[in-house]
């Protein structure tokens, strides 16, 4: 039984870490979209290849190509992309909380039964 709990605990820790990595990317996307939607021009550096960057300025919003993972890209208006990022962030936060709670339960089980980990 101990082996099963430890295996499950390791698996959930990996899943939680992946979730928090995704959450960090979504938060960065939300922050960037917020800057893009501000009325001031946004300064950017664009990689044009071989790690050669040129400075650019975004002064007008248009369609954005958003990467949803698994090679799925969707064209969206900036405001629509921001709303989607907020929803996705909320979902990932809930999943992360679930994994954290489950890890606590499994660690509690190990402590209750005197198993050192």
PDB file of N, CA and C in Angstrom:
ATOM      1  N   UNK A   1       0.825  -1.196   0.000  1.00  0.00           N
ATOM      2  CA  UNK A   1       0.000   0.000   0.000  1.00  0.00           C
ATOM      3  C   UNK A   1       0.870   1.261   0.000  1.00  0.00           C
ATOM      4  N   UNK A   2       1.956   1.202   0.777  1.00  0.00           N
ATOM      5  CA  UNK A   2       2.851   2.357   0.846  1.00  0.00           C
ATOM      6  C   UNK A   2       3.426   2.685  -0.535  1.00  0.00           C
ATOM      7  N   UNK A   3       3.843   1.658  -1.277  1.00  0.00           N
ATOM      8  CA  UNK A   3       4.405   1.860  -2.600  1.00  0.00           C
ATOM      9  C   UNK A   3       3.392   2.544  -3.515  1.00  0.00           C
ATOM     10  N   UNK A   4       2.145   2.119  -3.436  1.00  0.00           N
ATOM     11  CA  UNK A   4       1.088   2.687  -4.267  1.00  0.00           C
ATOM     12  C   UNK A   4       0.882   4.168  -3.950  1.00  0.00           C
ATOM     13  N   UNK A   5       0.859   4.503  -2.664  1.00  0.00           N
ATOM     14  CA  UNK A   5       0.663   5.900  -2.258  1.00  0.00           C
ATOM     15  C   UNK A   5       1.850   6.749  -2.707  1.00  0.00           C
ATOM     16  N   UNK A   6       3.056   6.239  -2.531  1.00  0.00           N
ATOM     17  CA  UNK A   6       4.247   6.990  -2.953  1.00  0.00           C
ATOM     18  C   UNK A   6       4.254   7.223  -4.471  1.00  0.00           C
ATOM     19  N   UNK A   7       3.898   6.194  -5.220  1.00  0.00           N
ATOM     20  CA  UNK A   7       3.846   6.312  -6.679  1.00  0.00           C
ATOM     21  C   UNK A   7       2.814   7.349  -7.093  1.00  0.00           C
ATOM     22  N   UNK A   8       1.662   7.287  -6.475  1.00  0.00           N
ATOM     23  CA  UNK A   8       0.590   8.250  -6.778  1.00  0.00           C
ATOM     24  C   UNK A   8       1.017   9.660  -6.400  1.00  0.00           C
ATOM     25  N   UNK A   9       1.687   9.791  -5.259  1.00  0.00           N
ATOM     26  CA  UNK A   9       2.161  11.091  -4.790  1.00  0.00           C
ATOM     27  C   UNK A   9       3.155  11.694  -5.785  1.00  0.00           C
ATOM     28  N   UNK A  10       4.089  10.898  -6.263  1.00  0.00           N
ATOM     29  CA  UNK A  10       5.059  11.381  -7.250  1.00  0.00           C
ATOM     30  C   UNK A  10       4.364  11.806  -8.539  1.00  0.00           C
ATOM     31  N   UNK A  11       3.403  11.022  -8.982  1.00  0.00           N
ATOM     32  CA  UNK A  11       2.670  11.331 -10.208  1.00  0.00           C
ATOM     33  C   UNK A  11       1.909  12.649 -10.074  1.00  0.00           C
ATOM     34  N   UNK A  12       1.259  12.833  -8.949  1.00  0.00           N
ATOM     35  CA  UNK A  12       0.481  14.059  -8.738  1.00  0.00           C
ATOM     36  C   UNK A  12       1.406  15.266  -8.623  1.00  0.00           C
ATOM     37  N   UNK A  13       2.576  15.102  -7.998  1.00  0.00           N
ATOM     38  CA  UNK A  13       3.533  16.207  -7.910  1.00  0.00           C
ATOM     39  C   UNK A  13       3.983  16.646  -9.304  1.00  0.00           C
ATOM     40  N   UNK A  14       4.231  15.692 -10.184  1.00  0.00           N
ATOM     41  CA  UNK A  14       4.633  16.009 -11.558  1.00  0.00           C
ATOM     42  C   UNK A  14       3.500  16.741 -12.278  1.00  0.00           C
ATOM     43  N   UNK A  15       2.272  16.256 -12.117  1.00  0.00           N
ATOM     44  CA  UNK A  15       1.125  16.899 -12.768  1.00  0.00           C
ATOM     45  C   UNK A  15       0.923  18.315 -12.243  1.00  0.00           C
ATOM     46  N   UNK A  16       1.093  18.496 -10.922  1.00  0.00           N
ATOM     47  CA  UNK A  16       0.936  19.832 -10.341  1.00  0.00           C
ATOM     48  C   UNK A  16       2.004  20.773 -10.891  1.00  0.00           C
ATOM     49  N   UNK A  17       3.243  20.299 -10.985  1.00  0.00           N
ATOM     50  CA  UNK A  17       4.319  21.141 -11.509  1.00  0.00           C
ATOM     51  C   UNK A  17       4.048  21.552 -12.954  1.00  0.00           C
ATOM     52  N   UNK A  18       3.556  20.628 -13.765  1.00  0.00           N
ATOM     53  CA  UNK A  18       3.194  20.959 -15.158  1.00  0.00           C
ATOM     54  C   UNK A  18       2.081  22.003 -15.195  1.00  0.00           C
ATOM     55  N   UNK A  19       1.111  21.837 -14.309  1.00  0.00           N
ATOM     56  CA  UNK A  19      -0.002  22.785 -14.250  1.00  0.00           C
ATOM     57  C   UNK A  19       0.500  24.175 -13.900  1.00  0.00           C
ATOM     58  N   UNK A  20       1.412  24.272 -12.929  1.00  0.00           N
ATOM     59  CA  UNK A  20       1.935  25.577 -12.535  1.00  0.00           C
ATOM     60  C   UNK A  20       2.811  26.184 -13.631  1.00  0.00           C
ATOM     61  N   UNK A  21       3.494  25.357 -14.421  1.00  0.00           N
ATOM     62  CA  UNK A  21       4.251  25.873 -15.563  1.00  0.00           C
ATOM     63  C   UNK A  21       3.305  26.458 -16.608  1.00  0.00           C
ATOM     64  N   UNK A  22       2.208  25.754 -16.880  1.00  0.00           N
ATOM     65  CA  UNK A  22       1.209  26.266 -17.822  1.00  0.00           C
ATOM     66  C   UNK A  22       0.601  27.557 -17.289  1.00  0.00           C
ATOM     67  N   UNK A  23       0.330  27.592 -15.990  1.00  0.00           N
ATOM     68  CA  UNK A  23      -0.257  28.771 -15.364  1.00  0.00           C
ATOM     69  C   UNK A  23       0.674  29.973 -15.517  1.00  0.00           C
ATOM     70  N   UNK A  24       1.967  29.771 -15.348  1.00  0.00           N
ATOM     71  CA  UNK A  24       2.925  30.867 -15.507  1.00  0.00           C
ATOM     72  C   UNK A  24       2.897  31.404 -16.939  1.00  0.00           C
ATOM     73  N   UNK A  25       2.800  30.517 -17.922  1.00  0.00           N
ATOM     74  CA  UNK A  25       2.741  30.945 -19.322  1.00  0.00           C
ATOM     75  C   UNK A  25       1.454  31.718 -19.611  1.00  0.00           C
ATOM     76  N   UNK A  26       0.339  31.258 -19.058  1.00  0.00           N
ATOM     77  CA  UNK A  26      -0.938  31.944 -19.282  1.00  0.00           C
ATOM     78  C   UNK A  26      -0.920  33.314 -18.614  1.00  0.00           C
ATOM     79  N   UNK A  27      -0.331  33.404 -17.425  1.00  0.00           N
ATOM     80  CA  UNK A  27      -0.230  34.709 -16.756  1.00  0.00           C
ATOM     81  C   UNK A  27       0.638  35.671 -17.560  1.00  0.00           C
ATOM     82  N   UNK A  28       1.721  35.164 -18.138  1.00  0.00           N
ATOM     83  CA  UNK A  28       2.565  36.006 -18.981  1.00  0.00           C
ATOM     84  C   UNK A  28       1.791  36.468 -20.217  1.00  0.00           C
ATOM     85  N   UNK A  29       1.029  35.567 -20.827  1.00  0.00           N
ATOM     86  CA  UNK A  29       0.203  35.923 -21.978  1.00  0.00           C
ATOM     87  C   UNK A  29      -0.813  36.994 -21.597  1.00  0.00           C
ATOM     88  N   UNK A  30      -1.464  36.818 -20.446  1.00  0.00           N
ATOM     89  CA  UNK A  30      -2.463  37.798 -19.997  1.00  0.00           C
ATOM     90  C   UNK A  30      -1.812  39.163 -19.776  1.00  0.00           C
ATOM     91  N   UNK A  31      -0.638  39.166 -19.162  1.00  0.00           N
ATOM     92  CA  UNK A  31       0.070  40.425 -18.914  1.00  0.00           C
ATOM     93  C   UNK A  31       0.440  41.101 -20.244  1.00  0.00           C
ATOM     94  N   UNK A  32       0.940  40.311 -21.197  1.00  0.00           N
ATOM     95  CA  UNK A  32       1.305  40.871 -22.502  1.00  0.00           C
ATOM     96  C   UNK A  32       0.088  41.393 -23.255  1.00  0.00           C
ATOM     97  N   UNK A  33      -1.021  40.665 -23.176  1.00  0.00           N
ATOM     98  CA  UNK A  33      -2.246  41.132 -23.838  1.00  0.00           C
ATOM     99  C   UNK A  33      -2.744  42.419 -23.199  1.00  0.00           C
ATOM    100  N   UNK A  34      -2.619  42.527 -21.884  1.00  0.00           N
ATOM    101  CA  UNK A  34      -3.007  43.759 -21.198  1.00  0.00           C
ATOM    102  C   UNK A  34      -2.190  44.942 -21.687  1.00  0.00           C
ATOM    103  N   UNK A  35      -0.876  44.733 -21.869  1.00  0.00           N
ATOM    104  CA  UNK A  35      -0.023  45.811 -22.390  1.00  0.00           C
ATOM    105  C   UNK A  35      -0.404  46.152 -23.823  1.00  0.00           C
ATOM    106  N   UNK A  36      -0.728  45.126 -24.606  1.00  0.00           N
ATOM    107  CA  UNK A  36      -1.100  45.341 -26.001  1.00  0.00           C
ATOM    108  C   UNK A  36      -2.393  46.144 -26.103  1.00  0.00           C
ATOM    109  N   UNK A  37      -3.326  45.882 -25.195  1.00  0.00           N
ATOM    110  CA  UNK A  37      -4.615  46.568 -25.244  1.00  0.00           C
ATOM    111  C   UNK A  37      -4.565  47.977 -24.660  1.00  0.00           C
ATOM    112  N   UNK A  38      -3.467  48.319 -23.970  1.00  0.00           N
ATOM    113  CA  UNK A  38      -3.348  49.695 -23.487  1.00  0.00           C
ATOM    114  C   UNK A  38      -3.223  50.603 -24.710  1.00  0.00           C
ATOM    115  N   UNK A  39      -3.610  51.822 -24.563  1.00  0.00           N
ATOM    116  CA  UNK A  39      -3.672  52.725 -25.720  1.00  0.00           C
ATOM    117  C   UNK A  39      -2.311  53.276 -26.137  1.00  0.00           C
ATOM    118  N   UNK A  40      -1.272  53.026 -25.351  1.00  0.00           N
ATOM    119  CA  UNK A  40       0.053  53.507 -25.725  1.00  0.00           C
ATOM    120  C   UNK A  40       0.734  52.481 -26.624  1.00  0.00           C
ATOM    121  N   UNK A  41       1.568  52.929 -27.550  1.00  0.00           N
ATOM    122  CA  UNK A  41       2.282  51.978 -28.408  1.00  0.00           C
ATOM    123  C   UNK A  41       3.173  51.059 -27.568  1.00  0.00           C
ATOM    124  N   UNK A  42       3.248  49.810 -27.948  1.00  0.00           N
ATOM    125  CA  UNK A  42       4.027  48.823 -27.219  1.00  0.00           C
ATOM    126  C   UNK A  42       5.322  48.551 -27.969  1.00  0.00           C
ATOM    127  N   UNK A  43       6.444  48.651 -27.256  1.00  0.00           N
ATOM    128  CA  UNK A  43       7.741  48.362 -27.850  1.00  0.00           C
ATOM    129  C   UNK A  43       8.024  46.874 -27.696  1.00  0.00           C
ATOM    130  N   UNK A  44       8.498  46.249 -28.765  1.00  0.00           N
ATOM    131  CA  UNK A  44       8.788  44.814 -28.738  1.00  0.00           C
ATOM    132  C   UNK A  44      10.122  44.560 -29.428  1.00  0.00           C
ATOM    133  N   UNK A  45      10.680  43.387 -29.149  1.00  0.00           N
ATOM    134  CA  UNK A  45      11.829  42.907 -29.895  1.00  0.00           C
ATOM    135  C   UNK A  45      11.392  41.633 -30.593  1.00  0.00           C
ATOM    136  N   UNK A  46      11.620  41.586 -31.901  1.00  0.00           N
ATOM    137  CA  UNK A  46      11.173  40.459 -32.709  1.00  0.00           C
ATOM    138  C   UNK A  46      12.393  39.670 -33.173  1.00  0.00           C
ATOM    139  N   UNK A  47      12.360  38.355 -32.935  1.00  0.00           N
ATOM    140  CA  UNK A  47      13.436  37.479 -33.387  1.00  0.00           C
ATOM    141  C   UNK A  47      13.196  37.192 -34.870  1.00  0.00           C
ATOM    142  N   UNK A  48      14.091  37.696 -35.715  1.00  0.00           N
ATOM    143  CA  UNK A  48      13.938  37.486 -37.157  1.00  0.00           C
ATOM    144  C   UNK A  48      14.757  36.300 -37.651  1.00  0.00           C
ATOM    145  N   UNK A  49      15.328  35.552 -36.740  1.00  0.00           N
ATOM    146  CA  UNK A  49      16.075  34.341 -37.091  1.00  0.00           C
ATOM    147  C   UNK A  49      17.486  34.372 -36.553  1.00  0.00           C
ATOM    148  N   UNK A  50      17.984  33.208 -36.206  1.00  0.00           N
ATOM    149  CA  UNK A  50      19.356  33.058 -35.686  1.00  0.00           C
ATOM    150  C   UNK A  50      19.603  33.979 -34.492  1.00  0.00           C
ATOM    151  N   UNK A  51      18.600  34.142 -33.661  1.00  0.00           N
ATOM    152  CA  UNK A  51      18.682  35.003 -32.475  1.00  0.00           C
ATOM    153  C   UNK A  51      19.102  36.431 -32.808  1.00  0.00           C
ATOM    154  N   UNK A  52      18.684  36.928 -33.965  1.00  0.00           N
ATOM    155  CA  UNK A  52      18.899  38.318 -34.349  1.00  0.00           C
ATOM    156  C   UNK A  52      17.588  39.058 -34.118  1.00  0.00           C
ATOM    157  N   UNK A  53      17.618  40.047 -33.233  1.00  0.00           N
ATOM    158  CA  UNK A  53      16.407  40.750 -32.835  1.00  0.00           C
ATOM    159  C   UNK A  53      16.383  42.154 -33.419  1.00  0.00           C
ATOM    160  N   UNK A  54      15.198  42.583 -33.814  1.00  0.00           N
ATOM    161  CA  UNK A  54      14.992  43.963 -34.238  1.00  0.00           C
ATOM    162  C   UNK A  54      13.921  44.572 -33.347  1.00  0.00           C
ATOM    163  N   UNK A  55      14.062  45.878 -33.108  1.00  0.00           N
ATOM    164  CA  UNK A  55      13.076  46.585 -32.300  1.00  0.00           C
ATOM    165  C   UNK A  55      11.866  46.914 -33.151  1.00  0.00           C
ATOM    166  N   UNK A  56      10.715  46.840 -32.538  1.00  0.00           N
ATOM    167  CA  UNK A  56       9.481  47.165 -33.233  1.00  0.00           C
ATOM    168  C   UNK A  56       8.520  47.868 -32.299  1.00  0.00           C
ATOM    169  N   UNK A  57       7.502  48.442 -32.887  1.00  0.00           N
ATOM    170  CA  UNK A  57       6.488  49.142 -32.107  1.00  0.00           C
ATOM    171  C   UNK A  57       5.122  48.697 -32.602  1.00  0.00           C
ATOM    172  N   UNK A  58       4.280  48.282 -31.664  1.00  0.00           N
ATOM    173  CA  UNK A  58       2.918  47.878 -32.009  1.00  0.00           C
ATOM    174  C   UNK A  58       2.017  49.051 -31.669  1.00  0.00           C
ATOM    175  N   UNK A  59       1.456  49.669 -32.696  1.00  0.00           N
ATOM    176  CA  UNK A  59       0.600  50.826 -32.447  1.00  0.00           C
ATOM    177  C   UNK A  59      -0.856  50.564 -32.810  1.00  0.00           C
ATOM    178  N   UNK A  60      -1.126  49.405 -33.346  1.00  0.00           N
ATOM    179  CA  UNK A  60      -2.477  49.097 -33.781  1.00  0.00           C
ATOM    180  C   UNK A  60      -2.742  47.623 -33.505  1.00  0.00           C
ATOM    181  N   UNK A  61      -3.902  47.357 -32.931  1.00  0.00           N
ATOM    182  CA  UNK A  61      -4.228  45.963 -32.634  1.00  0.00           C
ATOM    183  C   UNK A  61      -4.977  45.340 -33.800  1.00  0.00           C
ATOM    184  N   UNK A  62      -4.733  44.088 -34.021  1.00  0.00           N
ATOM    185  CA  UNK A  62      -5.407  43.340 -35.072  1.00  0.00           C
ATOM    186  C   UNK A  62      -5.663  41.937 -34.562  1.00  0.00           C
ATOM    187  N   UNK A  63      -5.706  41.000 -35.462  1.00  0.00           N
ATOM    188  CA  UNK A  63      -5.891  39.612 -35.052  1.00  0.00           C
ATOM    189  C   UNK A  63      -4.585  39.051 -34.502  1.00  0.00           C
ATOM    190  N   UNK A  64      -4.713  38.240 -33.478  1.00  0.00           N
ATOM    191  CA  UNK A  64      -3.565  37.572 -32.879  1.00  0.00           C
ATOM    192  C   UNK A  64      -3.683  36.082 -33.117  1.00  0.00           C
ATOM    193  N   UNK A  65      -2.560  35.422 -33.245  1.00  0.00           N
ATOM    194  CA  UNK A  65      -2.531  33.971 -33.383  1.00  0.00           C
ATOM    195  C   UNK A  65      -2.109  33.408 -32.030  1.00  0.00           C
ATOM    196  N   UNK A  66      -3.032  32.735 -31.346  1.00  0.00           N
ATOM    197  CA  UNK A  66      -2.800  32.223 -29.997  1.00  0.00           C
ATOM    198  C   UNK A  66      -2.527  30.729 -30.063  1.00  0.00           C
ATOM    199  N   UNK A  67      -1.438  30.307 -29.402  1.00  0.00           N
ATOM    200  CA  UNK A  67      -1.053  28.892 -29.338  1.00  0.00           C
ATOM    201  C   UNK A  67      -1.716  28.269 -28.115  1.00  0.00           C
ATOM    202  N   UNK A  68      -2.595  27.299 -28.337  1.00  0.00           N
ATOM    203  CA  UNK A  68      -3.273  26.612 -27.244  1.00  0.00           C
ATOM    204  C   UNK A  68      -2.585  25.301 -26.878  1.00  0.00           C
ATOM    205  N   UNK A  69      -1.471  25.004 -27.493  1.00  0.00           N
ATOM    206  CA  UNK A  69      -0.758  23.759 -27.225  1.00  0.00           C
ATOM    207  C   UNK A  69      -1.212  22.664 -28.168  1.00  0.00           C
ATOM    208  N   UNK A  70      -0.437  21.590 -28.213  1.00  0.00           N
ATOM    209  CA  UNK A  70      -0.741  20.439 -29.074  1.00  0.00           C
ATOM    210  C   UNK A  70      -0.908  20.870 -30.528  1.00  0.00           C
ATOM    211  N   UNK A  71      -0.130  21.889 -30.953  1.00  0.00           N
ATOM    212  CA  UNK A  71      -0.163  22.414 -32.325  1.00  0.00           C
ATOM    213  C   UNK A  71      -1.529  22.953 -32.734  1.00  0.00           C
ATOM    214  N   UNK A  72      -2.270  23.518 -31.781  1.00  0.00           N
ATOM    215  CA  UNK A  72      -3.563  24.144 -32.063  1.00  0.00           C
ATOM    216  C   UNK A  72      -3.383  25.658 -31.933  1.00  0.00           C
ATOM    217  N   UNK A  73      -3.619  26.370 -33.030  1.00  0.00           N
ATOM    218  CA  UNK A  73      -3.515  27.824 -33.060  1.00  0.00           C
ATOM    219  C   UNK A  73      -4.869  28.399 -33.469  1.00  0.00           C
ATOM    220  N   UNK A  74      -5.251  29.500 -32.817  1.00  0.00           N
ATOM    221  CA  UNK A  74      -6.539  30.127 -33.104  1.00  0.00           C
ATOM    222  C   UNK A  74      -6.320  31.624 -33.286  1.00  0.00           C
ATOM    223  N   UNK A  75      -6.926  32.189 -34.336  1.00  0.00           N
ATOM    224  CA  UNK A  75      -6.894  33.638 -34.540  1.00  0.00           C
ATOM    225  C   UNK A  75      -7.982  34.276 -33.699  1.00  0.00           C
ATOM    226  N   UNK A  76      -7.602  35.306 -32.934  1.00  0.00           N
ATOM    227  CA  UNK A  76      -8.565  35.978 -32.056  1.00  0.00           C
ATOM    228  C   UNK A  76      -8.294  37.476 -32.041  1.00  0.00           C
ATOM    229  N   UNK A  77      -9.325  38.213 -31.717  1.00  0.00           N
ATOM    230  CA  UNK A  77      -9.161  39.626 -31.419  1.00  0.00           C
ATOM    231  C   UNK A  77      -8.443  39.731 -30.074  1.00  0.00           C
ATOM    232  N   UNK A  78      -7.665  40.791 -29.838  1.00  0.00           N
ATOM    233  CA  UNK A  78      -6.930  40.903 -28.572  1.00  0.00           C
ATOM    234  C   UNK A  78      -7.830  40.833 -27.333  1.00  0.00           C
ATOM    235  N   UNK A  79      -8.979  41.490 -27.363  1.00  0.00           N
ATOM    236  CA  UNK A  79      -9.868  41.461 -26.196  1.00  0.00           C
ATOM    237  C   UNK A  79     -10.403  40.051 -25.958  1.00  0.00           C
ATOM    238  N   UNK A  80     -10.745  39.361 -27.027  1.00  0.00           N
ATOM    239  CA  UNK A  80     -11.228  37.984 -26.924  1.00  0.00           C
ATOM    240  C   UNK A  80     -10.126  37.063 -26.381  1.00  0.00           C
ATOM    241  N   UNK A  81      -8.899  37.289 -26.834  1.00  0.00           N
ATOM    242  CA  UNK A  81      -7.770  36.491 -26.351  1.00  0.00           C
ATOM    243  C   UNK A  81      -7.526  36.747 -24.866  1.00  0.00           C
ATOM    244  N   UNK A  82      -7.671  37.995 -24.434  1.00  0.00           N
ATOM    245  CA  UNK A  82      -7.500  38.330 -23.018  1.00  0.00           C
ATOM    246  C   UNK A  82      -8.555  37.636 -22.169  1.00  0.00           C
ATOM    247  N   UNK A  83      -9.806  37.668 -22.615  1.00  0.00           N
ATOM    248  CA  UNK A  83     -10.883  36.998 -21.874  1.00  0.00           C
ATOM    249  C   UNK A  83     -10.634  35.493 -21.794  1.00  0.00           C
ATOM    250  N   UNK A  84     -10.172  34.902 -22.885  1.00  0.00           N
ATOM    251  CA  UNK A  84      -9.862  33.471 -22.894  1.00  0.00           C
ATOM    252  C   UNK A  84      -8.715  33.158 -21.942  1.00  0.00           C
ATOM    253  N   UNK A  85      -7.697  34.017 -21.916  1.00  0.00           N
ATOM    254  CA  UNK A  85      -6.556  33.807 -21.013  1.00  0.00           C
ATOM    255  C   UNK A  85      -6.996  33.883 -19.556  1.00  0.00           C
ATOM    256  N   UNK A  86      -7.910  34.795 -19.241  1.00  0.00           N
ATOM    257  CA  UNK A  86      -8.402  34.919 -17.866  1.00  0.00           C
ATOM    258  C   UNK A  86      -9.158  33.658 -17.460  1.00  0.00           C
ATOM    259  N   UNK A  87      -9.997  33.148 -18.356  1.00  0.00           N
ATOM    260  CA  UNK A  87     -10.745  31.916 -18.066  1.00  0.00           C
ATOM    261  C   UNK A  87      -9.782  30.748 -17.886  1.00  0.00           C
ATOM    262  N   UNK A  88      -8.810  30.657 -18.769  1.00  0.00           N
ATOM    263  CA  UNK A  88      -7.832  29.558 -18.692  1.00  0.00           C
ATOM    264  C   UNK A  88      -7.016  29.642 -17.407  1.00  0.00           C
ATOM    265  N   UNK A  89      -6.660  30.866 -17.010  1.00  0.00           N
ATOM    266  CA  UNK A  89      -5.907  31.059 -15.769  1.00  0.00           C
ATOM    267  C   UNK A  89      -6.713  30.582 -14.566  1.00  0.00           C
ATOM    268  N   UNK A  90      -7.994  30.921 -14.543  1.00  0.00           N
ATOM    269  CA  UNK A  90      -8.864  30.495 -13.447  1.00  0.00           C
ATOM    270  C   UNK A  90      -8.948  28.973 -13.377  1.00  0.00           C
ATOM    271  N   UNK A  91      -9.112  28.333 -14.519  1.00  0.00           N
ATOM    272  CA  UNK A  91      -9.194  26.862 -14.550  1.00  0.00           C
ATOM    273  C   UNK A  91      -7.897  26.226 -14.066  1.00  0.00           C
ATOM    274  N   UNK A  92      -6.764  26.731 -14.532  1.00  0.00           N
ATOM    275  CA  UNK A  92      -5.481  26.166 -14.120  1.00  0.00           C
ATOM    276  C   UNK A  92      -5.225  26.382 -12.633  1.00  0.00           C
ATOM    277  N   UNK A  93      -5.667  27.521 -12.091  1.00  0.00           N
ATOM    278  CA  UNK A  93      -5.528  27.751 -10.649  1.00  0.00           C
ATOM    279  C   UNK A  93      -6.311  26.707  -9.865  1.00  0.00           C
ATOM    280  N   UNK A  94      -7.522  26.410 -10.315  1.00  0.00           N
ATOM    281  CA  UNK A  94      -8.341  25.400  -9.631  1.00  0.00           C
ATOM    282  C   UNK A  94      -7.706  24.014  -9.708  1.00  0.00           C
ATOM    283  N   UNK A  95      -7.172  23.673 -10.873  1.00  0.00           N
ATOM    284  CA  UNK A  95      -6.512  22.371 -11.025  1.00  0.00           C
ATOM    285  C   UNK A  95      -5.292  22.305 -10.105  1.00  0.00           C
ATOM    286  N   UNK A  96      -4.511  23.376 -10.052  1.00  0.00           N
ATOM    287  CA  UNK A  96      -3.343  23.421  -9.170  1.00  0.00           C
ATOM    288  C   UNK A  96      -3.729  23.278  -7.710  1.00  0.00           C
ATOM    289  N   UNK A  97      -4.825  23.933  -7.312  1.00  0.00           N
ATOM    290  CA  UNK A  97      -5.309  23.804  -5.935  1.00  0.00           C
ATOM    291  C   UNK A  97      -5.741  22.375  -5.637  1.00  0.00           C
ATOM    292  N   UNK A  98      -6.396  21.732  -6.605  1.00  0.00           N
ATOM    293  CA  UNK A  98      -6.824  20.348  -6.421  1.00  0.00           C
ATOM    294  C   UNK A  98      -5.618  19.442  -6.195  1.00  0.00           C
ATOM    295  N   UNK A  99      -4.596  19.595  -7.055  1.00  0.00           N
ATOM    296  CA  UNK A  99      -3.404  18.756  -6.916  1.00  0.00           C
ATOM    297  C   UNK A  99      -2.707  19.014  -5.580  1.00  0.00           C
ATOM    298  N   UNK A 100      -2.620  20.276  -5.177  1.00  0.00           N
ATOM    299  CA  UNK A 100      -1.977  20.607  -3.905  1.00  0.00           C
ATOM    300  C   UNK A 100      -2.728  19.972  -2.740  1.00  0.00           C
ATOM    301  N   UNK A 101      -4.052  20.028  -2.784  1.00  0.00           N
ATOM    302  CA  UNK A 101      -4.864  19.413  -1.730  1.00  0.00           C
ATOM    303  C   UNK A 101      -4.660  17.899  -1.713  1.00  0.00           C
ATOM    304  N   UNK A 102      -4.636  17.301  -2.874  1.00  0.00           N
ATOM    305  CA  UNK A 102      -4.461  15.843  -2.965  1.00  0.00           C
ATOM    306  C   UNK A 102      -3.083  15.428  -2.446  1.00  0.00           C
ATOM    307  N   UNK A 103      -2.061  16.215  -2.748  1.00  0.00           N
ATOM    308  CA  UNK A 103      -0.718  15.930  -2.235  1.00  0.00           C
ATOM    309  C   UNK A 103      -0.725  15.976  -0.713  1.00  0.00           C
ATOM    310  N   UNK A 104      -1.390  16.973  -0.153  1.00  0.00           N
ATOM    311  CA  UNK A 104      -1.497  17.069   1.304  1.00  0.00           C
ATOM    312  C   UNK A 104      -2.191  15.860   1.906  1.00  0.00           C
ATOM    313  N   UNK A 105      -3.246  15.386   1.242  1.00  0.00           N
ATOM    314  CA  UNK A 105      -3.965  14.208   1.737  1.00  0.00           C
ATOM    315  C   UNK A 105      -3.068  12.972   1.729  1.00  0.00           C
ATOM    316  N   UNK A 106      -2.333  12.777   0.644  1.00  0.00           N
ATOM    317  CA  UNK A 106      -1.458  11.603   0.549  1.00  0.00           C
ATOM    318  C   UNK A 106      -0.301  11.684   1.546  1.00  0.00           C
ATOM    319  N   UNK A 107       0.278  12.875   1.705  1.00  0.00           N
ATOM    320  CA  UNK A 107       1.341  13.031   2.699  1.00  0.00           C
ATOM    321  C   UNK A 107       0.791  12.817   4.104  1.00  0.00           C
ATOM    322  N   UNK A 108      -0.431  13.276   4.338  1.00  0.00           N
ATOM    323  CA  UNK A 108      -1.080  13.037   5.632  1.00  0.00           C
ATOM    324  C   UNK A 108      -1.280  11.557   5.892  1.00  0.00           C
ATOM    325  N   UNK A 109      -1.656  10.822   4.858  1.00  0.00           N
ATOM    326  CA  UNK A 109      -1.831   9.375   5.008  1.00  0.00           C
ATOM    327  C   UNK A 109      -0.509   8.726   5.388  1.00  0.00           C
ATOM    328  N   UNK A 110       0.574   9.144   4.713  1.00  0.00           N
ATOM    329  CA  UNK A 110       1.890   8.583   5.023  1.00  0.00           C
ATOM    330  C   UNK A 110       2.301   8.893   6.461  1.00  0.00           C
ATOM    331  N   UNK A 111       2.014  10.108   6.934  1.00  0.00           N
ATOM    332  CA  UNK A 111       2.346  10.478   8.312  1.00  0.00           C
ATOM    333  C   UNK A 111       1.480   9.730   9.312  1.00  0.00           C
ATOM    334  N   UNK A 112       0.206   9.581   8.994  1.00  0.00           N
ATOM    335  CA  UNK A 112      -0.712   8.890   9.900  1.00  0.00           C
ATOM    336  C   UNK A 112      -0.266   7.460  10.150  1.00  0.00           C
ATOM    337  N   UNK A 113       0.198   6.818   9.117  1.00  0.00           N
ATOM    338  CA  UNK A 113       0.606   5.422   9.247  1.00  0.00           C
ATOM    339  C   UNK A 113       2.100   5.277   9.519  1.00  0.00           C
ATOM    340  N   UNK A 114       2.745   6.385   9.895  1.00  0.00           N
ATOM    341  CA  UNK A 114       4.135   6.343  10.338  1.00  0.00           C
ATOM    342  C   UNK A 114       5.137   5.995   9.272  1.00  0.00           C
ATOM    343  N   UNK A 115       4.835   6.307   8.045  1.00  0.00           N
ATOM    344  CA  UNK A 115       5.754   6.012   6.949  1.00  0.00           C
ATOM    345  C   UNK A 115       6.589   7.261   6.695  1.00  0.00           C
ATOM    346  N   UNK A 116       7.909   7.118   6.688  1.00  0.00           N
ATOM    347  CA  UNK A 116       8.792   8.255   6.425  1.00  0.00           C
ATOM    348  C   UNK A 116       8.967   8.401   4.928  1.00  0.00           C
ATOM    349  N   UNK A 117       8.951   9.661   4.461  1.00  0.00           N
ATOM    350  CA  UNK A 117       9.153   9.885   3.023  1.00  0.00           C
ATOM    351  C   UNK A 117      10.195  10.891   2.756  1.00  0.00           C
TER     352      UNK A 117
END
